[in-house]
């Protein structure tokens, strides 16, 4: 358990171009010692072939994962799906739990 490493890409606004549009910088870092387990998977064939795959992740307290982060696991891209749960043990942050999703189609 807790043997997986995730690669996280975070995008942040860092200014504006000459037309007033936001410009962005991406930062990539790894999060070792994670537990990753399958969650739900759904398929929608009503309008087009679409599959949504979900994962549940338990990770160490740092670095913090944020809504909007993109995560690579097992060479596949995922997005953080919903809020990140912060588990506190006494007065210290023990770990964080979050869901990932990948949509194809």
PDB file of N, CA and C in Angstrom:
ATOM      1  N   UNK A   1       0.822  -1.189   0.000  1.00  0.00           N
ATOM      2  CA  UNK A   1       0.000   0.000   0.000  1.00  0.00           C
ATOM      3  C   UNK A   1       0.867   1.254   0.000  1.00  0.00           C
ATOM      4  N   UNK A   2       0.292   2.336  -0.450  1.00  0.00           N
ATOM      5  CA  UNK A   2       0.937   3.644  -0.485  1.00  0.00           C
ATOM      6  C   UNK A   2       2.264   3.603  -1.242  1.00  0.00           C
ATOM      7  N   UNK A   3       2.250   2.915  -2.376  1.00  0.00           N
ATOM      8  CA  UNK A   3       3.471   2.755  -3.165  1.00  0.00           C
ATOM      9  C   UNK A   3       3.435   3.509  -4.486  1.00  0.00           C
ATOM     10  N   UNK A   4       2.339   4.174  -4.789  1.00  0.00           N
ATOM     11  CA  UNK A   4       2.216   4.863  -6.083  1.00  0.00           C
ATOM     12  C   UNK A   4       2.737   6.287  -5.994  1.00  0.00           C
ATOM     13  N   UNK A   5       3.285   6.752  -7.113  1.00  0.00           N
ATOM     14  CA  UNK A   5       3.724   8.140  -7.237  1.00  0.00           C
ATOM     15  C   UNK A   5       2.896   8.819  -8.318  1.00  0.00           C
ATOM     16  N   UNK A   6       2.358   9.978  -7.996  1.00  0.00           N
ATOM     17  CA  UNK A   6       1.576  10.766  -8.940  1.00  0.00           C
ATOM     18  C   UNK A   6       2.418  11.926  -9.447  1.00  0.00           C
ATOM     19  N   UNK A   7       2.182  12.323 -10.687  1.00  0.00           N
ATOM     20  CA  UNK A   7       2.782  13.536 -11.234  1.00  0.00           C
ATOM     21  C   UNK A   7       1.673  14.568 -11.361  1.00  0.00           C
ATOM     22  N   UNK A   8       1.861  15.708 -10.721  1.00  0.00           N
ATOM     23  CA  UNK A   8       0.830  16.748 -10.679  1.00  0.00           C
ATOM     24  C   UNK A   8       1.298  17.952 -11.487  1.00  0.00           C
ATOM     25  N   UNK A   9       0.398  18.479 -12.322  1.00  0.00           N
ATOM     26  CA  UNK A   9       0.667  19.697 -13.074  1.00  0.00           C
ATOM     27  C   UNK A   9      -0.320  20.757 -12.615  1.00  0.00           C
ATOM     28  N   UNK A  10       0.220  21.888 -12.174  1.00  0.00           N
ATOM     29  CA  UNK A  10      -0.608  22.993 -11.676  1.00  0.00           C
ATOM     30  C   UNK A  10      -0.416  24.194 -12.590  1.00  0.00           C
ATOM     31  N   UNK A  11      -1.516  24.775 -13.023  1.00  0.00           N
ATOM     32  CA  UNK A  11      -1.501  25.938 -13.907  1.00  0.00           C
ATOM     33  C   UNK A  11      -1.904  27.165 -13.103  1.00  0.00           C
ATOM     34  N   UNK A  12      -1.118  28.227 -13.216  1.00  0.00           N
ATOM     35  CA  UNK A  12      -1.415  29.450 -12.462  1.00  0.00           C
ATOM     36  C   UNK A  12      -1.206  30.669 -13.353  1.00  0.00           C
ATOM     37  N   UNK A  13      -2.113  31.635 -13.218  1.00  0.00           N
ATOM     38  CA  UNK A  13      -1.969  32.890 -13.961  1.00  0.00           C
ATOM     39  C   UNK A  13      -0.732  33.623 -13.444  1.00  0.00           C
ATOM     40  N   UNK A  14       0.056  34.170 -14.388  1.00  0.00           N
ATOM     41  CA  UNK A  14       1.271  34.878 -13.973  1.00  0.00           C
ATOM     42  C   UNK A  14       1.401  36.263 -14.602  1.00  0.00           C
ATOM     43  N   UNK A  15       0.343  36.735 -15.215  1.00  0.00           N
ATOM     44  CA  UNK A  15       0.381  38.062 -15.818  1.00  0.00           C
ATOM     45  C   UNK A  15      -0.586  38.167 -16.973  1.00  0.00           C
ATOM     46  N   UNK A  16      -0.355  39.183 -17.799  1.00  0.00           N
ATOM     47  CA  UNK A  16      -1.206  39.398 -18.969  1.00  0.00           C
ATOM     48  C   UNK A  16      -0.337  39.728 -20.170  1.00  0.00           C
ATOM     49  N   UNK A  17      -0.852  39.362 -21.349  1.00  0.00           N
ATOM     50  CA  UNK A  17      -0.131  39.712 -22.574  1.00  0.00           C
ATOM     51  C   UNK A  17      -0.516  41.129 -23.015  1.00  0.00           C
ATOM     52  N   UNK A  18      -0.004  41.562 -24.153  1.00  0.00           N
ATOM     53  CA  UNK A  18      -0.236  42.937 -24.611  1.00  0.00           C
ATOM     54  C   UNK A  18      -1.699  43.229 -24.938  1.00  0.00           C
ATOM     55  N   UNK A  19      -2.546  42.178 -25.040  1.00  0.00           N
ATOM     56  CA  UNK A  19      -3.963  42.362 -25.341  1.00  0.00           C
ATOM     57  C   UNK A  19      -4.841  42.261 -24.091  1.00  0.00           C
ATOM     58  N   UNK A  20      -4.213  42.077 -22.936  1.00  0.00           N
ATOM     59  CA  UNK A  20      -4.966  41.977 -21.693  1.00  0.00           C
ATOM     60  C   UNK A  20      -5.424  40.572 -21.354  1.00  0.00           C
ATOM     61  N   UNK A  21      -5.009  39.581 -22.138  1.00  0.00           N
ATOM     62  CA  UNK A  21      -5.364  38.197 -21.851  1.00  0.00           C
ATOM     63  C   UNK A  21      -4.420  37.632 -20.801  1.00  0.00           C
ATOM     64  N   UNK A  22      -4.960  36.806 -19.909  1.00  0.00           N
ATOM     65  CA  UNK A  22      -4.126  36.174 -18.899  1.00  0.00           C
ATOM     66  C   UNK A  22      -3.099  35.253 -19.557  1.00  0.00           C
ATOM     67  N   UNK A  23      -1.903  35.232 -18.986  1.00  0.00           N
ATOM     68  CA  UNK A  23      -0.888  34.263 -19.383  1.00  0.00           C
ATOM     69  C   UNK A  23      -0.680  33.322 -18.200  1.00  0.00           C
ATOM     70  N   UNK A  24      -0.225  32.118 -18.487  1.00  0.00           N
ATOM     71  CA  UNK A  24      -0.152  31.078 -17.466  1.00  0.00           C
ATOM     72  C   UNK A  24       1.213  30.417 -17.453  1.00  0.00           C
ATOM     73  N   UNK A  25       1.555  29.913 -16.283  1.00  0.00           N
ATOM     74  CA  UNK A  25       2.751  29.111 -16.091  1.00  0.00           C
ATOM     75  C   UNK A  25       2.315  27.774 -15.512  1.00  0.00           C
ATOM     76  N   UNK A  26       2.934  26.697 -15.982  1.00  0.00           N
ATOM     77  CA  UNK A  26       2.649  25.374 -15.434  1.00  0.00           C
ATOM     78  C   UNK A  26       3.823  24.909 -14.587  1.00  0.00           C
ATOM     79  N   UNK A  27       3.493  24.347 -13.431  1.00  0.00           N
ATOM     80  CA  UNK A  27       4.483  23.775 -12.537  1.00  0.00           C
ATOM     81  C   UNK A  27       4.164  22.302 -12.383  1.00  0.00           C
ATOM     82  N   UNK A  28       5.178  21.457 -12.477  1.00  0.00           N
ATOM     83  CA  UNK A  28       4.992  20.018 -12.339  1.00  0.00           C
ATOM     84  C   UNK A  28       5.807  19.515 -11.153  1.00  0.00           C
ATOM     85  N   UNK A  29       5.178  18.644 -10.345  1.00  0.00           N
ATOM     86  CA  UNK A  29       5.861  18.046  -9.202  1.00  0.00           C
ATOM     87  C   UNK A  29       5.308  16.644  -8.967  1.00  0.00           C
ATOM     88  N   UNK A  30       6.020  15.851  -8.203  1.00  0.00           N
ATOM     89  CA  UNK A  30       5.564  14.492  -7.913  1.00  0.00           C
ATOM     90  C   UNK A  30       5.083  14.392  -6.472  1.00  0.00           C
ATOM     91  N   UNK A  31       4.179  13.442  -6.261  1.00  0.00           N
ATOM     92  CA  UNK A  31       3.669  13.151  -4.928  1.00  0.00           C
ATOM     93  C   UNK A  31       3.871  11.654  -4.692  1.00  0.00           C
ATOM     94  N   UNK A  32       4.892  11.278  -3.931  1.00  0.00           N
ATOM     95  CA  UNK A  32       5.143   9.858  -3.658  1.00  0.00           C
ATOM     96  C   UNK A  32       4.258   9.338  -2.523  1.00  0.00           C
ATOM     97  N   UNK A  33       4.299   8.033  -2.315  1.00  0.00           N
ATOM     98  CA  UNK A  33       3.624   7.361  -1.198  1.00  0.00           C
ATOM     99  C   UNK A  33       2.108   7.569  -1.209  1.00  0.00           C
ATOM    100  N   UNK A  34       1.498   7.403  -2.382  1.00  0.00           N
ATOM    101  CA  UNK A  34       0.045   7.525  -2.520  1.00  0.00           C
ATOM    102  C   UNK A  34      -0.587   6.146  -2.635  1.00  0.00           C
ATOM    103  N   UNK A  35      -1.815   6.053  -2.193  1.00  0.00           N
ATOM    104  CA  UNK A  35      -2.629   4.855  -2.400  1.00  0.00           C
ATOM    105  C   UNK A  35      -3.691   5.226  -3.431  1.00  0.00           C
ATOM    106  N   UNK A  36      -3.760   4.469  -4.519  1.00  0.00           N
ATOM    107  CA  UNK A  36      -4.713   4.743  -5.596  1.00  0.00           C
ATOM    108  C   UNK A  36      -5.585   3.501  -5.773  1.00  0.00           C
ATOM    109  N   UNK A  37      -6.907   3.696  -5.742  1.00  0.00           N
ATOM    110  CA  UNK A  37      -7.838   2.590  -5.905  1.00  0.00           C
ATOM    111  C   UNK A  37      -8.920   2.974  -6.904  1.00  0.00           C
ATOM    112  N   UNK A  38      -9.415   1.988  -7.656  1.00  0.00           N
ATOM    113  CA  UNK A  38     -10.467   2.297  -8.632  1.00  0.00           C
ATOM    114  C   UNK A  38     -11.742   2.745  -7.937  1.00  0.00           C
ATOM    115  N   UNK A  39     -12.450   3.614  -8.614  1.00  0.00           N
ATOM    116  CA  UNK A  39     -13.751   4.085  -8.126  1.00  0.00           C
ATOM    117  C   UNK A  39     -14.793   3.720  -9.176  1.00  0.00           C
ATOM    118  N   UNK A  40     -15.620   4.650  -9.523  1.00  0.00           N
ATOM    119  CA  UNK A  40     -16.681   4.382 -10.476  1.00  0.00           C
ATOM    120  C   UNK A  40     -16.205   4.528 -11.910  1.00  0.00           C
ATOM    121  N   UNK A  41     -16.935   3.883 -12.789  1.00  0.00           N
ATOM    122  CA  UNK A  41     -16.728   4.041 -14.222  1.00  0.00           C
ATOM    123  C   UNK A  41     -18.103   4.065 -14.852  1.00  0.00           C
ATOM    124  N   UNK A  42     -18.357   5.052 -15.699  1.00  0.00           N
ATOM    125  CA  UNK A  42     -19.658   5.150 -16.359  1.00  0.00           C
ATOM    126  C   UNK A  42     -19.467   5.268 -17.855  1.00  0.00           C
ATOM    127  N   UNK A  43     -20.496   4.883 -18.577  1.00  0.00           N
ATOM    128  CA  UNK A  43     -20.463   4.960 -20.036  1.00  0.00           C
ATOM    129  C   UNK A  43     -21.760   5.593 -20.507  1.00  0.00           C
ATOM    130  N   UNK A  44     -21.652   6.579 -21.391  1.00  0.00           N
ATOM    131  CA  UNK A  44     -22.819   7.258 -21.948  1.00  0.00           C
ATOM    132  C   UNK A  44     -22.775   7.092 -23.453  1.00  0.00           C
ATOM    133  N   UNK A  45     -23.752   6.392 -23.992  1.00  0.00           N
ATOM    134  CA  UNK A  45     -23.799   6.179 -25.434  1.00  0.00           C
ATOM    135  C   UNK A  45     -25.006   6.855 -26.072  1.00  0.00           C
ATOM    136  N   UNK A  46     -25.698   7.737 -25.318  1.00  0.00           N
ATOM    137  CA  UNK A  46     -26.913   8.358 -25.849  1.00  0.00           C
ATOM    138  C   UNK A  46     -26.615   9.317 -26.996  1.00  0.00           C
ATOM    139  N   UNK A  47     -25.606  10.153 -26.855  1.00  0.00           N
ATOM    140  CA  UNK A  47     -25.281  11.114 -27.913  1.00  0.00           C
ATOM    141  C   UNK A  47     -23.967  10.770 -28.591  1.00  0.00           C
ATOM    142  N   UNK A  48     -23.064  10.200 -27.837  1.00  0.00           N
ATOM    143  CA  UNK A  48     -21.771   9.785 -28.368  1.00  0.00           C
ATOM    144  C   UNK A  48     -21.165   8.791 -27.394  1.00  0.00           C
ATOM    145  N   UNK A  49     -20.152   8.115 -27.827  1.00  0.00           N
ATOM    146  CA  UNK A  49     -19.469   7.142 -26.979  1.00  0.00           C
ATOM    147  C   UNK A  49     -18.580   7.891 -25.990  1.00  0.00           C
ATOM    148  N   UNK A  50     -18.924   7.867 -24.717  1.00  0.00           N
ATOM    149  CA  UNK A  50     -18.150   8.572 -23.706  1.00  0.00           C
ATOM    150  C   UNK A  50     -17.996   7.678 -22.483  1.00  0.00           C
ATOM    151  N   UNK A  51     -16.777   7.609 -21.965  1.00  0.00           N
ATOM    152  CA  UNK A  51     -16.497   6.824 -20.770  1.00  0.00           C
ATOM    153  C   UNK A  51     -15.825   7.732 -19.745  1.00  0.00           C
ATOM    154  N   UNK A  52     -16.319   7.669 -18.502  1.00  0.00           N
ATOM    155  CA  UNK A  52     -15.733   8.420 -17.396  1.00  0.00           C
ATOM    156  C   UNK A  52     -15.190   7.401 -16.404  1.00  0.00           C
ATOM    157  N   UNK A  53     -13.887   7.483 -16.133  1.00  0.00           N
ATOM    158  CA  UNK A  53     -13.231   6.573 -15.200  1.00  0.00           C
ATOM    159  C   UNK A  53     -12.821   7.355 -13.968  1.00  0.00           C
ATOM    160  N   UNK A  54     -13.087   6.804 -12.792  1.00  0.00           N
ATOM    161  CA  UNK A  54     -12.745   7.482 -11.552  1.00  0.00           C
ATOM    162  C   UNK A  54     -11.767   6.688 -10.715  1.00  0.00           C
ATOM    163  N   UNK A  55     -10.965   7.413  -9.942  1.00  0.00           N
ATOM    164  CA  UNK A  55     -10.028   6.825  -8.988  1.00  0.00           C
ATOM    165  C   UNK A  55     -10.160   7.545  -7.656  1.00  0.00           C
ATOM    166  N   UNK A  56      -9.934   6.827  -6.565  1.00  0.00           N
ATOM    167  CA  UNK A  56      -9.834   7.430  -5.234  1.00  0.00           C
ATOM    168  C   UNK A  56      -8.376   7.412  -4.825  1.00  0.00           C
ATOM    169  N   UNK A  57      -7.896   8.527  -4.273  1.00  0.00           N
ATOM    170  CA  UNK A  57      -6.489   8.659  -3.905  1.00  0.00           C
ATOM    171  C   UNK A  57      -6.366   9.112  -2.453  1.00  0.00           C
ATOM    172  N   UNK A  58      -5.453   8.448  -1.724  1.00  0.00           N
ATOM    173  CA  UNK A  58      -5.040   8.870  -0.392  1.00  0.00           C
ATOM    174  C   UNK A  58      -3.573   9.260  -0.527  1.00  0.00           C
ATOM    175  N   UNK A  59      -3.241  10.473  -0.115  1.00  0.00           N
ATOM    176  CA  UNK A  59      -1.894  11.014  -0.330  1.00  0.00           C
ATOM    177  C   UNK A  59      -1.363  11.633   0.963  1.00  0.00           C
ATOM    178  N   UNK A  60      -0.036  11.776   1.055  1.00  0.00           N
ATOM    179  CA  UNK A  60       0.529  12.439   2.230  1.00  0.00           C
ATOM    180  C   UNK A  60       0.047  13.896   2.307  1.00  0.00           C
ATOM    181  N   UNK A  61       0.224  14.542   3.455  1.00  0.00           N
ATOM    182  CA  UNK A  61      -0.318  15.890   3.635  1.00  0.00           C
ATOM    183  C   UNK A  61       0.325  16.954   2.762  1.00  0.00           C
ATOM    184  N   UNK A  62       1.557  16.731   2.341  1.00  0.00           N
ATOM    185  CA  UNK A  62       2.215  17.690   1.457  1.00  0.00           C
ATOM    186  C   UNK A  62       2.890  16.950   0.321  1.00  0.00           C
ATOM    187  N   UNK A  63       2.993  17.558  -0.843  1.00  0.00           N
ATOM    188  CA  UNK A  63       2.458  18.868  -1.206  1.00  0.00           C
ATOM    189  C   UNK A  63       0.936  18.809  -1.335  1.00  0.00           C
ATOM    190  N   UNK A  64       0.308  19.925  -1.048  1.00  0.00           N
ATOM    191  CA  UNK A  64      -1.150  19.979  -1.106  1.00  0.00           C
ATOM    192  C   UNK A  64      -1.647  19.867  -2.538  1.00  0.00           C
ATOM    193  N   UNK A  65      -2.716  19.107  -2.696  1.00  0.00           N
ATOM    194  CA  UNK A  65      -3.388  18.971  -3.988  1.00  0.00           C
ATOM    195  C   UNK A  65      -4.541  19.967  -4.007  1.00  0.00           C
ATOM    196  N   UNK A  66      -4.744  20.618  -5.152  1.00  0.00           N
ATOM    197  CA  UNK A  66      -5.783  21.639  -5.280  1.00  0.00           C
ATOM    198  C   UNK A  66      -6.772  21.275  -6.378  1.00  0.00           C
ATOM    199  N   UNK A  67      -7.995  21.774  -6.226  1.00  0.00           N
ATOM    200  CA  UNK A  67      -8.978  21.654  -7.306  1.00  0.00           C
ATOM    201  C   UNK A  67      -8.381  22.334  -8.534  1.00  0.00           C
ATOM    202  N   UNK A  68      -8.480  21.703  -9.682  1.00  0.00           N
ATOM    203  CA  UNK A  68      -7.904  22.269 -10.897  1.00  0.00           C
ATOM    204  C   UNK A  68      -6.577  21.649 -11.269  1.00  0.00           C
ATOM    205  N   UNK A  69      -5.941  20.927 -10.330  1.00  0.00           N
ATOM    206  CA  UNK A  69      -4.698  20.243 -10.661  1.00  0.00           C
ATOM    207  C   UNK A  69      -4.975  19.124 -11.656  1.00  0.00           C
ATOM    208  N   UNK A  70      -4.008  18.895 -12.526  1.00  0.00           N
ATOM    209  CA  UNK A  70      -4.054  17.746 -13.435  1.00  0.00           C
ATOM    210  C   UNK A  70      -3.052  16.718 -12.926  1.00  0.00           C
ATOM    211  N   UNK A  71      -3.447  15.467 -12.944  1.00  0.00           N
ATOM    212  CA  UNK A  71      -2.640  14.399 -12.359  1.00  0.00           C
ATOM    213  C   UNK A  71      -2.400  13.317 -13.399  1.00  0.00           C
ATOM    214  N   UNK A  72      -1.160  12.860 -13.480  1.00  0.00           N
ATOM    215  CA  UNK A  72      -0.836  11.714 -14.328  1.00  0.00           C
ATOM    216  C   UNK A  72      -0.585  10.518 -13.421  1.00  0.00           C
ATOM    217  N   UNK A  73      -1.315   9.434 -13.704  1.00  0.00           N
ATOM    218  CA  UNK A  73      -1.157   8.191 -12.960  1.00  0.00           C
ATOM    219  C   UNK A  73      -1.161   7.046 -13.961  1.00  0.00           C
ATOM    220  N   UNK A  74      -0.194   6.177 -13.848  1.00  0.00           N
ATOM    221  CA  UNK A  74      -0.087   5.027 -14.747  1.00  0.00           C
ATOM    222  C   UNK A  74      -0.072   5.486 -16.211  1.00  0.00           C
ATOM    223  N   UNK A  75       0.623   6.608 -16.461  1.00  0.00           N
ATOM    224  CA  UNK A  75       0.781   7.201 -17.790  1.00  0.00           C
ATOM    225  C   UNK A  75      -0.526   7.693 -18.411  1.00  0.00           C
ATOM    226  N   UNK A  76      -1.555   7.905 -17.611  1.00  0.00           N
ATOM    227  CA  UNK A  76      -2.834   8.413 -18.111  1.00  0.00           C
ATOM    228  C   UNK A  76      -3.174   9.728 -17.415  1.00  0.00           C
ATOM    229  N   UNK A  77      -3.779  10.684 -18.148  1.00  0.00           N
ATOM    230  CA  UNK A  77      -4.122  11.985 -17.555  1.00  0.00           C
ATOM    231  C   UNK A  77      -5.469  11.947 -16.832  1.00  0.00           C
ATOM    232  N   UNK A  78      -5.516  12.580 -15.679  1.00  0.00           N
ATOM    233  CA  UNK A  78      -6.731  12.706 -14.879  1.00  0.00           C
ATOM    234  C   UNK A  78      -6.849  14.140 -14.393  1.00  0.00           C
ATOM    235  N   UNK A  79      -8.055  14.491 -13.916  1.00  0.00           N
ATOM    236  CA  UNK A  79      -8.300  15.788 -13.277  1.00  0.00           C
ATOM    237  C   UNK A  79      -8.779  15.540 -11.863  1.00  0.00           C
ATOM    238  N   UNK A  80      -8.456  16.448 -10.952  1.00  0.00           N
ATOM    239  CA  UNK A  80      -9.012  16.381  -9.608  1.00  0.00           C
ATOM    240  C   UNK A  80     -10.506  16.657  -9.723  1.00  0.00           C
ATOM    241  N   UNK A  81     -11.313  15.783  -9.142  1.00  0.00           N
ATOM    242  CA  UNK A  81     -12.765  15.861  -9.266  1.00  0.00           C
ATOM    243  C   UNK A  81     -13.371  16.220  -7.916  1.00  0.00           C
ATOM    244  N   UNK A  82     -13.728  17.486  -7.731  1.00  0.00           N
ATOM    245  CA  UNK A  82     -14.331  17.932  -6.480  1.00  0.00           C
ATOM    246  C   UNK A  82     -13.290  18.443  -5.498  1.00  0.00           C
ATOM    247  N   UNK A  83     -13.738  18.689  -4.288  1.00  0.00           N
ATOM    248  CA  UNK A  83     -12.865  19.226  -3.243  1.00  0.00           C
ATOM    249  C   UNK A  83     -11.922  18.150  -2.714  1.00  0.00           C
ATOM    250  N   UNK A  84     -10.793  18.597  -2.210  1.00  0.00           N
ATOM    251  CA  UNK A  84      -9.813  17.708  -1.596  1.00  0.00           C
ATOM    252  C   UNK A  84     -10.091  17.639  -0.104  1.00  0.00           C
ATOM    253  N   UNK A  85     -10.228  16.416   0.418  1.00  0.00           N
ATOM    254  CA  UNK A  85     -10.458  16.238   1.852  1.00  0.00           C
ATOM    255  C   UNK A  85      -9.144  16.265   2.611  1.00  0.00           C
ATOM    256  N   UNK A  86      -9.093  17.038   3.669  1.00  0.00           N
ATOM    257  CA  UNK A  86      -7.905  17.133   4.519  1.00  0.00           C
ATOM    258  C   UNK A  86      -8.215  16.429   5.842  1.00  0.00           C
ATOM    259  N   UNK A  87      -7.486  15.372   6.140  1.00  0.00           N
ATOM    260  CA  UNK A  87      -7.719  14.577   7.348  1.00  0.00           C
ATOM    261  C   UNK A  87      -6.769  15.039   8.449  1.00  0.00           C
ATOM    262  N   UNK A  88      -7.339  15.518   9.539  1.00  0.00           N
ATOM    263  CA  UNK A  88      -6.560  16.037  10.659  1.00  0.00           C
ATOM    264  C   UNK A  88      -6.579  15.019  11.789  1.00  0.00           C
ATOM    265  N   UNK A  89      -5.400  14.756  12.348  1.00  0.00           N
ATOM    266  CA  UNK A  89      -5.257  13.866  13.495  1.00  0.00           C
ATOM    267  C   UNK A  89      -4.747  14.712  14.653  1.00  0.00           C
ATOM    268  N   UNK A  90      -5.637  15.031  15.570  1.00  0.00           N
ATOM    269  CA  UNK A  90      -5.262  15.947  16.656  1.00  0.00           C
ATOM    270  C   UNK A  90      -5.119  17.348  16.090  1.00  0.00           C
ATOM    271  N   UNK A  91      -3.906  17.871  16.127  1.00  0.00           N
ATOM    272  CA  UNK A  91      -3.682  19.224  15.617  1.00  0.00           C
ATOM    273  C   UNK A  91      -2.852  19.227  14.332  1.00  0.00           C
ATOM    274  N   UNK A  92      -2.560  18.045  13.774  1.00  0.00           N
ATOM    275  CA  UNK A  92      -1.729  18.025  12.567  1.00  0.00           C
ATOM    276  C   UNK A  92      -2.480  17.398  11.399  1.00  0.00           C
ATOM    277  N   UNK A  93      -2.153  17.864  10.223  1.00  0.00           N
ATOM    278  CA  UNK A  93      -2.724  17.306   9.006  1.00  0.00           C
ATOM    279  C   UNK A  93      -2.084  15.949   8.765  1.00  0.00           C
ATOM    280  N   UNK A  94      -2.901  14.896   8.739  1.00  0.00           N
ATOM    281  CA  UNK A  94      -2.399  13.533   8.613  1.00  0.00           C
ATOM    282  C   UNK A  94      -2.251  13.104   7.153  1.00  0.00           C
ATOM    283  N   UNK A  95      -3.285  13.332   6.358  1.00  0.00           N
ATOM    284  CA  UNK A  95      -3.238  12.985   4.939  1.00  0.00           C
ATOM    285  C   UNK A  95      -4.360  13.715   4.209  1.00  0.00           C
ATOM    286  N   UNK A  96      -4.357  13.584   2.888  1.00  0.00           N
ATOM    287  CA  UNK A  96      -5.418  14.175   2.071  1.00  0.00           C
ATOM    288  C   UNK A  96      -6.016  13.096   1.178  1.00  0.00           C
ATOM    289  N   UNK A  97      -7.304  13.233   0.914  1.00  0.00           N
ATOM    290  CA  UNK A  97      -8.012  12.261   0.083  1.00  0.00           C
ATOM    291  C   UNK A  97      -8.745  13.032  -0.998  1.00  0.00           C
ATOM    292  N   UNK A  98      -8.695  12.500  -2.227  1.00  0.00           N
ATOM    293  CA  UNK A  98      -9.370  13.174  -3.325  1.00  0.00           C
ATOM    294  C   UNK A  98      -9.725  12.176  -4.410  1.00  0.00           C
ATOM    295  N   UNK A  99     -10.618  12.607  -5.280  1.00  0.00           N
ATOM    296  CA  UNK A  99     -11.052  11.787  -6.403  1.00  0.00           C
ATOM    297  C   UNK A  99     -10.422  12.324  -7.693  1.00  0.00           C
ATOM    298  N   UNK A 100     -10.136  11.414  -8.600  1.00  0.00           N
ATOM    299  CA  UNK A 100      -9.656  11.772  -9.924  1.00  0.00           C
ATOM    300  C   UNK A 100     -10.648  11.259 -10.944  1.00  0.00           C
ATOM    301  N   UNK A 101     -10.742  11.946 -12.077  1.00  0.00           N
ATOM    302  CA  UNK A 101     -11.579  11.448 -13.160  1.00  0.00           C
ATOM    303  C   UNK A 101     -10.871  11.659 -14.487  1.00  0.00           C
ATOM    304  N   UNK A 102     -11.184  10.752 -15.423  1.00  0.00           N
ATOM    305  CA  UNK A 102     -10.671  10.838 -16.782  1.00  0.00           C
ATOM    306  C   UNK A 102     -11.839  10.593 -17.720  1.00  0.00           C
ATOM    307  N   UNK A 103     -12.060  11.517 -18.651  1.00  0.00           N
ATOM    308  CA  UNK A 103     -13.174  11.430 -19.592  1.00  0.00           C
ATOM    309  C   UNK A 103     -12.615  11.168 -20.980  1.00  0.00           C
ATOM    310  N   UNK A 104     -13.116  10.153 -21.641  1.00  0.00           N
ATOM    311  CA  UNK A 104     -12.738   9.866 -23.024  1.00  0.00           C
ATOM    312  C   UNK A 104     -13.980   9.841 -23.888  1.00  0.00           C
ATOM    313  N   UNK A 105     -13.829  10.243 -25.131  1.00  0.00           N
ATOM    314  CA  UNK A 105     -14.935  10.208 -26.071  1.00  0.00           C
ATOM    315  C   UNK A 105     -15.648  11.504 -26.232  1.00  0.00           C
TER     316      UNK A 105
END
